[in-house]
Structure formats: structure tokens, C-alpha cells
PDB file of N, CA and C in Angstrom:
ATOM      1  N   MET A   1      -6.429 -21.240  -3.423  1.00  0.00           N
ATOM      2  CA  MET A   1      -6.116 -19.877  -3.872  1.00  0.00           C
ATOM      3  C   MET A   1      -4.892 -19.378  -3.285  1.00  0.00           C
ATOM      4  N   TYR A   2      -4.142 -18.555  -3.988  1.00  0.00           N
ATOM      5  CA  TYR A   2      -2.983 -17.966  -3.441  1.00  0.00           C
ATOM      6  C   TYR A   2      -3.020 -16.455  -3.640  1.00  0.00           C
ATOM      7  N   GLN A   3      -2.571 -15.749  -2.627  1.00  0.00           N
ATOM      8  CA  GLN A   3      -2.552 -14.271  -2.803  1.00  0.00           C
ATOM      9  C   GLN A   3      -1.004 -13.803  -2.823  1.00  0.00           C
ATOM     10  N   MET A   4      -0.784 -12.958  -3.783  1.00  0.00           N
ATOM     11  CA  MET A   4       0.460 -12.388  -4.040  1.00  0.00           C
ATOM     12  C   MET A   4       0.467 -10.891  -3.631  1.00  0.00           C
ATOM     13  N   ASP A   5       1.053 -10.505  -2.588  1.00  0.00           N
ATOM     14  CA  ASP A   5       1.245  -9.058  -2.145  1.00  0.00           C
ATOM     15  C   ASP A   5       2.460  -8.567  -2.823  1.00  0.00           C
ATOM     16  N   PHE A   6       2.464  -7.363  -3.445  1.00  0.00           N
ATOM     17  CA  PHE A   6       3.615  -6.864  -4.044  1.00  0.00           C
ATOM     18  C   PHE A   6       3.706  -5.390  -3.843  1.00  0.00           C
ATOM     19  N   VAL A   7       4.988  -4.883  -4.022  1.00  0.00           N
ATOM     20  CA  VAL A   7       5.298  -3.504  -3.948  1.00  0.00           C
ATOM     21  C   VAL A   7       5.889  -3.008  -5.313  1.00  0.00           C
ATOM     22  N   PHE A   8       5.371  -1.911  -5.812  1.00  0.00           N
ATOM     23  CA  PHE A   8       5.831  -1.315  -7.001  1.00  0.00           C
ATOM     24  C   PHE A   8       6.003   0.058  -6.987  1.00  0.00           C
ATOM     25  N   THR A   9       6.813   0.555  -8.091  1.00  0.00           N
ATOM     26  CA  THR A   9       7.075   2.041  -8.234  1.00  0.00           C
ATOM     27  C   THR A   9       6.179   2.489  -9.312  1.00  0.00           C
ATOM     28  N   LYS A  10       5.882   3.945  -9.208  1.00  0.00           N
ATOM     29  CA  LYS A  10       5.184   4.606 -10.216  1.00  0.00           C
ATOM     30  C   LYS A  10       5.841   5.869 -10.369  1.00  0.00           C
ATOM     31  N   ILE A  11       6.844   6.073 -11.238  1.00  0.00           N
ATOM     32  CA  ILE A  11       7.679   7.153 -11.343  1.00  0.00           C
ATOM     33  C   ILE A  11       7.800   7.609 -12.950  1.00  0.00           C
ATOM     34  N   ASN A  12       8.533   8.879 -12.975  1.00  0.00           N
ATOM     35  CA  ASN A  12       8.735   9.390 -14.238  1.00  0.00           C
ATOM     36  C   ASN A  12       7.406   9.687 -15.051  1.00  0.00           C
ATOM     37  N   ASP A  13       7.353   9.340 -16.284  1.00  0.00           N
ATOM     38  CA  ASP A  13       6.142   9.687 -17.126  1.00  0.00           C
ATOM     39  C   ASP A  13       4.920   8.846 -16.637  1.00  0.00           C
ATOM     40  N   MET A  14       5.216   7.812 -15.911  1.00  0.00           N
ATOM     41  CA  MET A  14       4.043   6.946 -15.464  1.00  0.00           C
ATOM     42  C   MET A  14       3.206   7.723 -14.322  1.00  0.00           C
ATOM     43  N   LYS A  15       3.807   8.710 -13.751  1.00  0.00           N
ATOM     44  CA  LYS A  15       2.897   9.478 -12.767  1.00  0.00           C
ATOM     45  C   LYS A  15       1.736  10.201 -13.379  1.00  0.00           C
ATOM     46  N   PHE A  16       1.703  10.309 -14.780  1.00  0.00           N
ATOM     47  CA  PHE A  16       0.567  10.891 -15.406  1.00  0.00           C
ATOM     48  C   PHE A  16      -0.552   9.862 -15.732  1.00  0.00           C
ATOM     49  N   ILE A  17      -0.444   8.617 -15.399  1.00  0.00           N
ATOM     50  CA  ILE A  17      -1.424   7.671 -15.732  1.00  0.00           C
ATOM     51  C   ILE A  17      -2.500   7.554 -14.592  1.00  0.00           C
ATOM     52  N   SER A  18      -3.669   7.575 -14.986  1.00  0.00           N
ATOM     53  CA  SER A  18      -4.785   7.488 -14.049  1.00  0.00           C
ATOM     54  C   SER A  18      -4.891   6.213 -13.277  1.00  0.00           C
ATOM     55  N   HIS A  19      -5.523   6.178 -12.207  1.00  0.00           N
ATOM     56  CA  HIS A  19      -5.791   4.910 -11.522  1.00  0.00           C
ATOM     57  C   HIS A  19      -6.388   3.861 -12.286  1.00  0.00           C
ATOM     58  N   LEU A  20      -7.478   4.227 -13.004  1.00  0.00           N
ATOM     59  CA  LEU A  20      -8.214   3.171 -13.787  1.00  0.00           C
ATOM     60  C   LEU A  20      -7.312   2.664 -14.950  1.00  0.00           C
ATOM     61  N   ASP A  21      -6.572   3.608 -15.553  1.00  0.00           N
ATOM     62  CA  ASP A  21      -5.595   3.229 -16.527  1.00  0.00           C
ATOM     63  C   ASP A  21      -4.534   2.222 -15.911  1.00  0.00           C
ATOM     64  N   LEU A  22      -4.090   2.579 -14.806  1.00  0.00           N
ATOM     65  CA  LEU A  22      -3.059   1.710 -14.163  1.00  0.00           C
ATOM     66  C   LEU A  22      -3.703   0.309 -13.877  1.00  0.00           C
ATOM     67  N   MET A  23      -4.946   0.241 -13.595  1.00  0.00           N
ATOM     68  CA  MET A  23      -5.564  -1.079 -13.407  1.00  0.00           C
ATOM     69  C   MET A  23      -5.658  -1.898 -14.720  1.00  0.00           C
ATOM     70  N   ARG A  24      -5.898  -1.233 -15.720  1.00  0.00           N
ATOM     71  CA  ARG A  24      -5.954  -1.805 -17.132  1.00  0.00           C
ATOM     72  C   ARG A  24      -4.551  -2.260 -17.468  1.00  0.00           C
ATOM     73  N   LEU A  25      -3.523  -1.474 -17.250  1.00  0.00           N
ATOM     74  CA  LEU A  25      -2.096  -1.792 -17.506  1.00  0.00           C
ATOM     75  C   LEU A  25      -1.709  -3.061 -16.779  1.00  0.00           C
ATOM     76  N   PHE A  26      -2.032  -3.082 -15.558  1.00  0.00           N
ATOM     77  CA  PHE A  26      -1.682  -4.333 -14.864  1.00  0.00           C
ATOM     78  C   PHE A  26      -2.469  -5.646 -15.366  1.00  0.00           C
ATOM     79  N   SER A  27      -3.788  -5.401 -15.739  1.00  0.00           N
ATOM     80  CA  SER A  27      -4.456  -6.586 -16.213  1.00  0.00           C
ATOM     81  C   SER A  27      -3.905  -7.101 -17.509  1.00  0.00           C
ATOM     82  N   ARG A  28      -3.491  -6.167 -18.313  1.00  0.00           N
ATOM     83  CA  ARG A  28      -2.906  -6.585 -19.572  1.00  0.00           C
ATOM     84  C   ARG A  28      -1.523  -7.155 -19.410  1.00  0.00           C
ATOM     85  N   ALA A  29      -0.793  -6.720 -18.465  1.00  0.00           N
ATOM     86  CA  ALA A  29       0.567  -7.099 -18.156  1.00  0.00           C
ATOM     87  C   ALA A  29       0.581  -8.587 -17.565  1.00  0.00           C
ATOM     88  N   PHE A  30      -0.415  -8.844 -16.598  1.00  0.00           N
ATOM     89  CA  PHE A  30      -0.620 -10.171 -16.159  1.00  0.00           C
ATOM     90  C   PHE A  30      -0.946 -11.129 -17.325  1.00  0.00           C
ATOM     91  N   ARG A  31      -1.809 -10.786 -18.245  1.00  0.00           N
ATOM     92  CA  ARG A  31      -2.118 -11.607 -19.348  1.00  0.00           C
ATOM     93  C   ARG A  31      -0.961 -11.961 -20.172  1.00  0.00           C
ATOM     94  N   ARG A  32      -0.215 -10.767 -20.458  1.00  0.00           N
ATOM     95  CA  ARG A  32       1.061 -11.087 -21.369  1.00  0.00           C
ATOM     96  C   ARG A  32       2.195 -11.810 -20.672  1.00  0.00           C
ATOM     97  N   ALA A  33       2.282 -11.723 -19.436  1.00  0.00           N
ATOM     98  CA  ALA A  33       3.309 -12.472 -18.624  1.00  0.00           C
ATOM     99  C   ALA A  33       2.844 -13.768 -18.221  1.00  0.00           C
ATOM    100  N   ASP A  34       1.613 -14.279 -18.509  1.00  0.00           N
ATOM    101  CA  ASP A  34       1.078 -15.600 -18.347  1.00  0.00           C
ATOM    102  C   ASP A  34       1.102 -15.817 -16.840  1.00  0.00           C
ATOM    103  N   ILE A  35       0.676 -14.906 -16.037  1.00  0.00           N
ATOM    104  CA  ILE A  35       0.440 -14.967 -14.641  1.00  0.00           C
ATOM    105  C   ILE A  35      -0.850 -15.642 -14.333  1.00  0.00           C
ATOM    106  N   PRO A  36      -1.008 -16.716 -13.638  1.00  0.00           N
ATOM    107  CA  PRO A  36      -2.345 -17.388 -13.367  1.00  0.00           C
ATOM    108  C   PRO A  36      -3.152 -16.646 -12.316  1.00  0.00           C
ATOM    109  N   VAL A  37      -3.842 -15.534 -12.916  1.00  0.00           N
ATOM    110  CA  VAL A  37      -4.684 -14.693 -12.080  1.00  0.00           C
ATOM    111  C   VAL A  37      -6.075 -15.189 -11.978  1.00  0.00           C
ATOM    112  N   LYS A  38      -6.695 -15.225 -10.854  1.00  0.00           N
ATOM    113  CA  LYS A  38      -8.000 -15.635 -10.571  1.00  0.00           C
ATOM    114  C   LYS A  38      -8.966 -14.477 -11.376  1.00  0.00           C
ATOM    115  N   ILE A  39      -9.876 -14.885 -12.024  1.00  0.00           N
ATOM    116  CA  ILE A  39     -10.821 -14.030 -12.721  1.00  0.00           C
ATOM    117  C   ILE A  39     -12.172 -14.046 -12.000  1.00  0.00           C
ATOM    118  N   THR A  40     -12.721 -12.847 -11.719  1.00  0.00           N
ATOM    119  CA  THR A  40     -14.058 -12.886 -11.202  1.00  0.00           C
ATOM    120  C   THR A  40     -15.085 -13.446 -12.170  1.00  0.00           C
ATOM    121  N   GLU A  41     -16.239 -13.908 -11.458  1.00  0.00           N
ATOM    122  CA  GLU A  41     -17.275 -14.364 -12.192  1.00  0.00           C
ATOM    123  C   GLU A  41     -18.414 -13.427 -12.371  1.00  0.00           C
ATOM    124  N   GLY A  42     -19.338 -13.494 -13.288  1.00  0.00           N
ATOM    125  CA  GLY A  42     -20.281 -12.463 -13.575  1.00  0.00           C
ATOM    126  C   GLY A  42     -20.436 -11.870 -14.902  1.00  0.00           C
ATOM    127  N   PHE A  43     -21.120 -10.873 -14.929  1.00  0.00           N
ATOM    128  CA  PHE A  43     -21.319 -10.316 -16.257  1.00  0.00           C
ATOM    129  C   PHE A  43     -20.010  -9.455 -16.857  1.00  0.00           C
ATOM    130  N   ASN A  44     -19.243  -8.883 -16.000  1.00  0.00           N
ATOM    131  CA  ASN A  44     -18.050  -8.229 -16.456  1.00  0.00           C
ATOM    132  C   ASN A  44     -16.848  -8.905 -15.753  1.00  0.00           C
ATOM    133  N   PRO A  45     -16.301  -9.983 -16.179  1.00  0.00           N
ATOM    134  CA  PRO A  45     -15.237 -10.562 -15.493  1.00  0.00           C
ATOM    135  C   PRO A  45     -13.996  -9.723 -15.553  1.00  0.00           C
ATOM    136  N   HIS A  46     -13.167  -9.793 -14.491  1.00  0.00           N
ATOM    137  CA  HIS A  46     -11.932  -9.020 -14.446  1.00  0.00           C
ATOM    138  C   HIS A  46     -10.946  -9.688 -13.461  1.00  0.00           C
ATOM    139  N   PRO A  47      -9.639  -9.371 -13.467  1.00  0.00           N
ATOM    140  CA  PRO A  47      -8.764 -10.139 -12.532  1.00  0.00           C
ATOM    141  C   PRO A  47      -9.083  -9.661 -11.146  1.00  0.00           C
ATOM    142  N   LYS A  48      -8.804 -10.555 -10.217  1.00  0.00           N
ATOM    143  CA  LYS A  48      -8.960 -10.165  -8.852  1.00  0.00           C
ATOM    144  C   LYS A  48      -7.725  -9.510  -8.400  1.00  0.00           C
ATOM    145  N   PHE A  49      -7.602  -8.365  -8.465  1.00  0.00           N
ATOM    146  CA  PHE A  49      -6.467  -7.439  -8.331  1.00  0.00           C
ATOM    147  C   PHE A  49      -6.890  -6.141  -7.636  1.00  0.00           C
ATOM    148  N   SER A  50      -6.126  -5.608  -6.625  1.00  0.00           N
ATOM    149  CA  SER A  50      -6.428  -4.407  -6.011  1.00  0.00           C
ATOM    150  C   SER A  50      -5.083  -3.646  -5.700  1.00  0.00           C
ATOM    151  N   ILE A  51      -5.149  -2.343  -5.794  1.00  0.00           N
ATOM    152  CA  ILE A  51      -4.093  -1.471  -5.291  1.00  0.00           C
ATOM    153  C   ILE A  51      -4.601  -0.758  -3.998  1.00  0.00           C
ATOM    154  N   LYS A  52      -3.741  -0.843  -3.042  1.00  0.00           N
ATOM    155  CA  LYS A  52      -4.226  -0.423  -1.585  1.00  0.00           C
ATOM    156  C   LYS A  52      -4.777   1.015  -1.754  1.00  0.00           C
ATOM    157  N   GLN A  53      -4.089   2.022  -2.331  1.00  0.00           N
ATOM    158  CA  GLN A  53      -4.455   3.342  -2.369  1.00  0.00           C
ATOM    159  C   GLN A  53      -4.243   3.924  -3.852  1.00  0.00           C
ATOM    160  N   ALA A  54      -5.241   4.731  -4.249  1.00  0.00           N
ATOM    161  CA  ALA A  54      -5.163   5.334  -5.453  1.00  0.00           C
ATOM    162  C   ALA A  54      -4.369   6.646  -5.336  1.00  0.00           C
ATOM    163  N   LEU A  55      -3.358   6.779  -6.139  1.00  0.00           N
ATOM    164  CA  LEU A  55      -2.543   8.073  -6.139  1.00  0.00           C
ATOM    165  C   LEU A  55      -3.138   9.110  -6.998  1.00  0.00           C
ATOM    166  N   LYS A  56      -3.084  10.296  -6.616  1.00  0.00           N
ATOM    167  CA  LYS A  56      -3.547  11.294  -7.535  1.00  0.00           C
ATOM    168  C   LYS A  56      -2.661  11.417  -8.766  1.00  0.00           C
ATOM    169  N   LEU A  57      -3.308  12.032  -9.754  1.00  0.00           N
ATOM    170  CA  LEU A  57      -2.605  12.157 -11.091  1.00  0.00           C
ATOM    171  C   LEU A  57      -1.449  13.078 -10.835  1.00  0.00           C
ATOM    172  N   GLY A  58      -0.257  12.693 -11.380  1.00  0.00           N
ATOM    173  CA  GLY A  58       0.912  13.596 -11.349  1.00  0.00           C
ATOM    174  C   GLY A  58       1.831  13.358 -10.013  1.00  0.00           C
ATOM    175  N   ILE A  59       1.456  12.363  -9.188  1.00  0.00           N
ATOM    176  CA  ILE A  59       2.236  12.079  -7.955  1.00  0.00           C
ATOM    177  C   ILE A  59       2.980  10.846  -8.239  1.00  0.00           C
ATOM    178  N   GLU A  60       4.259  10.880  -7.891  1.00  0.00           N
ATOM    179  CA  GLU A  60       5.181   9.779  -7.938  1.00  0.00           C
ATOM    180  C   GLU A  60       5.244   8.977  -6.681  1.00  0.00           C
ATOM    181  N   SER A  61       5.572   7.712  -6.761  1.00  0.00           N
ATOM    182  CA  SER A  61       5.589   6.867  -5.579  1.00  0.00           C
ATOM    183  C   SER A  61       6.594   5.776  -5.801  1.00  0.00           C
ATOM    184  N   GLU A  62       7.369   5.555  -4.744  1.00  0.00           N
ATOM    185  CA  GLU A  62       8.443   4.416  -4.763  1.00  0.00           C
ATOM    186  C   GLU A  62       7.965   3.179  -4.040  1.00  0.00           C
ATOM    187  N   ASN A  63       6.877   3.187  -3.313  1.00  0.00           N
ATOM    188  CA  ASN A  63       6.365   2.102  -2.682  1.00  0.00           C
ATOM    189  C   ASN A  63       4.833   1.999  -2.508  1.00  0.00           C
ATOM    190  N   GLU A  64       4.217   1.622  -3.744  1.00  0.00           N
ATOM    191  CA  GLU A  64       2.728   1.343  -3.804  1.00  0.00           C
ATOM    192  C   GLU A  64       2.466  -0.117  -3.544  1.00  0.00           C
ATOM    193  N   GLU A  65       1.464  -0.430  -2.779  1.00  0.00           N
ATOM    194  CA  GLU A  65       1.212  -1.803  -2.432  1.00  0.00           C
ATOM    195  C   GLU A  65      -0.038  -2.275  -3.239  1.00  0.00           C
ATOM    196  N   ALA A  66       0.089  -3.449  -3.675  1.00  0.00           N
ATOM    197  CA  ALA A  66      -0.925  -4.142  -4.439  1.00  0.00           C
ATOM    198  C   ALA A  66      -1.107  -5.656  -4.113  1.00  0.00           C
ATOM    199  N   THR A  67      -2.255  -6.196  -4.360  1.00  0.00           N
ATOM    200  CA  THR A  67      -2.483  -7.659  -4.094  1.00  0.00           C
ATOM    201  C   THR A  67      -3.208  -8.258  -5.297  1.00  0.00           C
ATOM    202  N   VAL A  68      -2.912  -9.438  -5.725  1.00  0.00           N
ATOM    203  CA  VAL A  68      -3.442 -10.246  -6.787  1.00  0.00           C
ATOM    204  C   VAL A  68      -3.701 -11.566  -6.275  1.00  0.00           C
ATOM    205  N   VAL A  69      -5.005 -12.173  -6.606  1.00  0.00           N
ATOM    206  CA  VAL A  69      -5.191 -13.491  -6.204  1.00  0.00           C
ATOM    207  C   VAL A  69      -4.840 -14.486  -7.502  1.00  0.00           C
ATOM    208  N   LEU A  70      -4.126 -15.464  -7.098  1.00  0.00           N
ATOM    209  CA  LEU A  70      -3.668 -16.351  -8.181  1.00  0.00           C
ATOM    210  C   LEU A  70      -4.364 -17.814  -7.930  1.00  0.00           C
ATOM    211  N   THR A  71      -4.540 -18.443  -9.160  1.00  0.00           N
ATOM    212  CA  THR A  71      -5.087 -19.882  -9.143  1.00  0.00           C
ATOM    213  C   THR A  71      -4.132 -20.850  -8.888  1.00  0.00           C
ATOM    214  N   GLN A  72      -2.811 -20.616  -9.107  1.00  0.00           N
ATOM    215  CA  GLN A  72      -1.721 -21.525  -8.921  1.00  0.00           C
ATOM    216  C   GLN A  72      -0.694 -20.834  -8.157  1.00  0.00           C
ATOM    217  N   SER A  73       0.151 -21.691  -7.484  1.00  0.00           N
ATOM    218  CA  SER A  73       1.259 -21.233  -6.639  1.00  0.00           C
ATOM    219  C   SER A  73       2.399 -20.677  -7.684  1.00  0.00           C
ATOM    220  N   LEU A  74       2.993 -19.574  -7.388  1.00  0.00           N
ATOM    221  CA  LEU A  74       3.977 -19.006  -8.255  1.00  0.00           C
ATOM    222  C   LEU A  74       5.072 -18.391  -7.379  1.00  0.00           C
ATOM    223  N   ALA A  75       6.360 -18.784  -7.580  1.00  0.00           N
ATOM    224  CA  ALA A  75       7.453 -18.245  -6.815  1.00  0.00           C
ATOM    225  C   ALA A  75       7.603 -16.733  -6.889  1.00  0.00           C
ATOM    226  N   PRO A  76       7.652 -15.965  -5.865  1.00  0.00           N
ATOM    227  CA  PRO A  76       7.644 -14.533  -5.903  1.00  0.00           C
ATOM    228  C   PRO A  76       8.767 -13.964  -6.884  1.00  0.00           C
ATOM    229  N   LEU A  77       9.886 -14.550  -6.839  1.00  0.00           N
ATOM    230  CA  LEU A  77      10.949 -14.076  -7.881  1.00  0.00           C
ATOM    231  C   LEU A  77      10.383 -14.333  -9.382  1.00  0.00           C
ATOM    232  N   ASP A  78       9.847 -15.411  -9.588  1.00  0.00           N
ATOM    233  CA  ASP A  78       9.274 -15.700 -11.015  1.00  0.00           C
ATOM    234  C   ASP A  78       8.218 -14.709 -11.299  1.00  0.00           C
ATOM    235  N   PHE A  79       7.383 -14.461 -10.435  1.00  0.00           N
ATOM    236  CA  PHE A  79       6.262 -13.513 -10.586  1.00  0.00           C
ATOM    237  C   PHE A  79       6.920 -12.065 -10.963  1.00  0.00           C
ATOM    238  N   THR A  80       7.804 -11.637 -10.112  1.00  0.00           N
ATOM    239  CA  THR A  80       8.461 -10.376 -10.257  1.00  0.00           C
ATOM    240  C   THR A  80       9.207 -10.179 -11.654  1.00  0.00           C
ATOM    241  N   GLN A  81       9.983 -11.255 -12.024  1.00  0.00           N
ATOM    242  CA  GLN A  81      10.669 -11.279 -13.234  1.00  0.00           C
ATOM    243  C   GLN A  81       9.817 -11.240 -14.575  1.00  0.00           C
ATOM    244  N   ARG A  82       8.775 -12.019 -14.483  1.00  0.00           N
ATOM    245  CA  ARG A  82       7.778 -12.192 -15.559  1.00  0.00           C
ATOM    246  C   ARG A  82       7.025 -10.842 -15.732  1.00  0.00           C
ATOM    247  N   LEU A  83       6.527 -10.298 -14.673  1.00  0.00           N
ATOM    248  CA  LEU A  83       5.686  -9.101 -14.698  1.00  0.00           C
ATOM    249  C   LEU A  83       6.538  -7.987 -15.131  1.00  0.00           C
ATOM    250  N   ASN A  84       7.748  -7.735 -14.558  1.00  0.00           N
ATOM    251  CA  ASN A  84       8.669  -6.683 -14.868  1.00  0.00           C
ATOM    252  C   ASN A  84       8.954  -6.578 -16.362  1.00  0.00           C
ATOM    253  N   SER A  85       9.063  -7.786 -16.922  1.00  0.00           N
ATOM    254  CA  SER A  85       9.430  -7.872 -18.416  1.00  0.00           C
ATOM    255  C   SER A  85       8.282  -7.382 -19.314  1.00  0.00           C
ATOM    256  N   GLN A  86       7.043  -7.207 -18.740  1.00  0.00           N
ATOM    257  CA  GLN A  86       5.868  -6.731 -19.514  1.00  0.00           C
ATOM    258  C   GLN A  86       5.427  -5.274 -19.155  1.00  0.00           C
ATOM    259  N   LEU A  87       6.040  -4.862 -18.017  1.00  0.00           N
ATOM    260  CA  LEU A  87       5.584  -3.465 -17.568  1.00  0.00           C
ATOM    261  C   LEU A  87       6.435  -2.365 -18.393  1.00  0.00           C
ATOM    262  N   PRO A  88       5.863  -1.157 -18.523  1.00  0.00           N
ATOM    263  CA  PRO A  88       6.533  -0.127 -18.992  1.00  0.00           C
ATOM    264  C   PRO A  88       7.610   0.521 -18.218  1.00  0.00           C
ATOM    265  N   GLU A  89       8.564   1.377 -18.728  1.00  0.00           N
ATOM    266  CA  GLU A  89       9.438   2.034 -17.882  1.00  0.00           C
ATOM    267  C   GLU A  89       8.675   2.998 -16.893  1.00  0.00           C
ATOM    268  N   GLY A  90       9.093   2.994 -15.728  1.00  0.00           N
ATOM    269  CA  GLY A  90       8.432   3.834 -14.649  1.00  0.00           C
ATOM    270  C   GLY A  90       7.610   3.043 -13.727  1.00  0.00           C
ATOM    271  N   ILE A  91       7.179   1.784 -14.130  1.00  0.00           N
ATOM    272  CA  ILE A  91       6.469   0.852 -13.295  1.00  0.00           C
ATOM    273  C   ILE A  91       7.318  -0.289 -13.052  1.00  0.00           C
ATOM    274  N   PHE A  92       7.690  -0.595 -11.815  1.00  0.00           N
ATOM    275  CA  PHE A  92       8.679  -1.580 -11.612  1.00  0.00           C
ATOM    276  C   PHE A  92       8.231  -2.355 -10.261  1.00  0.00           C
ATOM    277  N   ILE A  93       8.227  -3.701 -10.360  1.00  0.00           N
ATOM    278  CA  ILE A  93       7.824  -4.533  -9.184  1.00  0.00           C
ATOM    279  C   ILE A  93       9.160  -4.684  -8.322  1.00  0.00           C
ATOM    280  N   LYS A  94       9.177  -4.237  -7.026  1.00  0.00           N
ATOM    281  CA  LYS A  94      10.284  -4.224  -6.151  1.00  0.00           C
ATOM    282  C   LYS A  94      10.340  -5.482  -5.444  1.00  0.00           C
ATOM    283  N   SER A  95       9.200  -5.937  -4.900  1.00  0.00           N
ATOM    284  CA  SER A  95       9.222  -7.144  -4.165  1.00  0.00           C
ATOM    285  C   SER A  95       7.849  -7.795  -4.098  1.00  0.00           C
ATOM    286  N   ALA A  96       7.741  -9.046  -3.850  1.00  0.00           N
ATOM    287  CA  ALA A  96       6.509  -9.827  -3.717  1.00  0.00           C
ATOM    288  C   ALA A  96       6.610 -10.912  -2.769  1.00  0.00           C
ATOM    289  N   VAL A  97       5.439 -11.222  -2.065  1.00  0.00           N
ATOM    290  CA  VAL A  97       5.253 -12.106  -1.091  1.00  0.00           C
ATOM    291  C   VAL A  97       4.080 -13.037  -1.307  1.00  0.00           C
ATOM    292  N   LEU A  98       4.324 -14.418  -1.448  1.00  0.00           N
ATOM    293  CA  LEU A  98       3.173 -15.276  -1.652  1.00  0.00           C
ATOM    294  C   LEU A  98       2.528 -15.683  -0.371  1.00  0.00           C
ATOM    295  N   LYS A  99       1.144 -15.589  -0.221  1.00  0.00           N
ATOM    296  CA  LYS A  99       0.300 -16.073   0.899  1.00  0.00           C
ATOM    297  C   LYS A  99      -0.697 -17.052   0.541  1.00  0.00           C
ATOM    298  N   THR A 100      -1.001 -18.090   1.325  1.00  0.00           N
ATOM    299  CA  THR A 100      -2.119 -18.939   0.884  1.00  0.00           C
ATOM    300  C   THR A 100      -3.317 -18.322   1.479  1.00  0.00           C
ATOM    301  N   ARG A 101      -4.536 -18.572   0.860  1.00  0.00           N
ATOM    302  CA  ARG A 101      -5.741 -18.060   1.394  1.00  0.00           C
ATOM    303  C   ARG A 101      -6.521 -19.143   2.004  1.00  0.00           C
TER     304      ARG A 101
END
């Protein structure tokens, strides 16, 4: 397993998106960008993905930290480019670092 830690922005109109909707947004973006994300097992499977802190509604941020578990190694630059092409304006991946678990 591989862990990708990344930093993203949440600005402009995206500041009005809730934390739960942001989680759904990233889940769909991972799928569309064909990122090899590890899926949990059980009754309600979902991507192994977490955002360090939930922002309050209406708050902008330039440096939000998140982590996703991958099933295959992926270059951080490739991860960033593929994901940014699927994210809406206001959400932007600034940097990514790959770690092995």
C-alpha cells in the first residue's frame, strides 16, 4: 500500500461546500481521474481518504492537508495533474508526497 499526502486549496465559491460534500467531491474526482485508491471493505465501501481538519462552512483555506491510500505507486506529479483536471475551480492540489506504508 502507498499513502499520498497532499495539500489543496478551498477558495472562492468552494468555501460554501460542506465537509461531507467535499469528501464526495474528492471520491468522484478520484474515480474520474482513474487514481488507484484503496476501497474499504464492508457494508458501505468508500475510498480510504481523509482530510486532516474539517473547515467551517464559508471559510477559505490555501493549505488544507489530506491523505489517500493507493493500491499502486503513482508519481506525485502525475497524481496532481490527473486530479486537478477533474476538480472544480476553487479546489486545487498544490503539492503531493508519496509514502510507502
